[in-house]
């Protein structure tokens, strides 16, 4: 069973943050989450989900 985010914007945000981390590893995760929230108009709940996925390095989130 995998955790798949609901909503196209959240899926895009997860993918975007994953890509950004590959190309900009020096960028702080909190800043990436903040940027993704603005770029994809995420709710606070979605931003929390995104943070948990990143912190847990959960491949099932994408």
Protein backbone atom coordinates (compact mmCIF):
# COMPACT_ATOMS: atom_id res chain seq x y z
CA UNK A 1 0.00 0.00 0.00
CA UNK A 2 1.39 3.39 -0.95
CA UNK A 3 0.52 6.87 0.09
CA UNK A 4 -0.53 8.69 -3.04
CA UNK A 5 -1.35 12.36 -2.62
CA UNK A 6 -4.78 13.42 -3.75
CA UNK A 7 -5.08 16.31 -6.15
CA UNK A 8 -3.04 17.10 -9.20
CA UNK A 9 -1.38 20.16 -7.62
CA UNK A 10 -0.04 18.14 -4.71
CA UNK A 11 1.30 15.43 -7.02
CA UNK A 12 3.03 18.08 -9.12
CA UNK A 13 4.45 19.69 -5.97
CA UNK A 14 5.90 16.38 -4.75
CA UNK A 15 7.53 15.81 -8.13
CA UNK A 16 8.78 19.40 -8.32
CA UNK A 17 10.39 19.28 -4.86
CA UNK A 18 12.01 15.93 -5.68
CA UNK A 19 13.50 17.35 -8.87
CA UNK A 20 14.63 20.56 -7.16
CA UNK A 21 16.41 18.54 -4.47
CA UNK A 22 18.35 16.67 -7.17
CA UNK A 23 19.48 19.81 -8.96
CA UNK A 24 19.81 22.11 -5.91
CA UNK A 25 20.86 19.89 -2.99
CA UNK A 26 22.15 22.89 -1.06
CA UNK A 27 18.68 24.47 -0.92
CA UNK A 28 16.95 23.99 2.42
CA UNK A 29 13.92 21.71 2.44
CA UNK A 30 11.79 24.26 4.28
CA UNK A 31 12.43 26.81 1.55
CA UNK A 32 11.50 24.29 -1.15
CA UNK A 33 8.26 23.44 0.67
CA UNK A 34 7.46 27.14 0.96
CA UNK A 35 8.14 27.70 -2.75
CA UNK A 36 6.07 24.66 -3.71
CA UNK A 37 3.20 25.91 -1.55
CA UNK A 38 3.15 29.18 -3.43
CA UNK A 39 3.79 27.70 -6.87
CA UNK A 40 1.10 25.01 -6.58
CA UNK A 41 -1.28 26.85 -4.22
CA UNK A 42 -1.09 24.16 -1.54
CA UNK A 43 -3.17 24.20 1.62
CA UNK A 44 -1.37 24.00 4.98
CA UNK A 45 -2.48 20.34 5.19
CA UNK A 46 -0.94 19.62 1.78
CA UNK A 47 2.29 21.40 2.75
CA UNK A 48 2.47 19.25 5.91
CA UNK A 49 1.99 16.11 3.83
CA UNK A 50 4.73 17.25 1.47
CA UNK A 51 7.09 17.90 4.39
CA UNK A 52 6.44 14.43 5.85
CA UNK A 53 7.11 12.79 2.49
CA UNK A 54 10.39 14.63 2.12
CA UNK A 55 11.49 14.02 5.71
CA UNK A 56 10.72 10.31 5.45
CA UNK A 57 12.24 10.17 1.98
CA UNK A 58 9.15 8.23 0.98
CA UNK A 59 9.34 7.10 -2.65
CA UNK A 60 5.66 6.14 -2.56
CA UNK A 61 4.69 9.82 -2.38
CA UNK A 62 5.51 10.33 -6.07
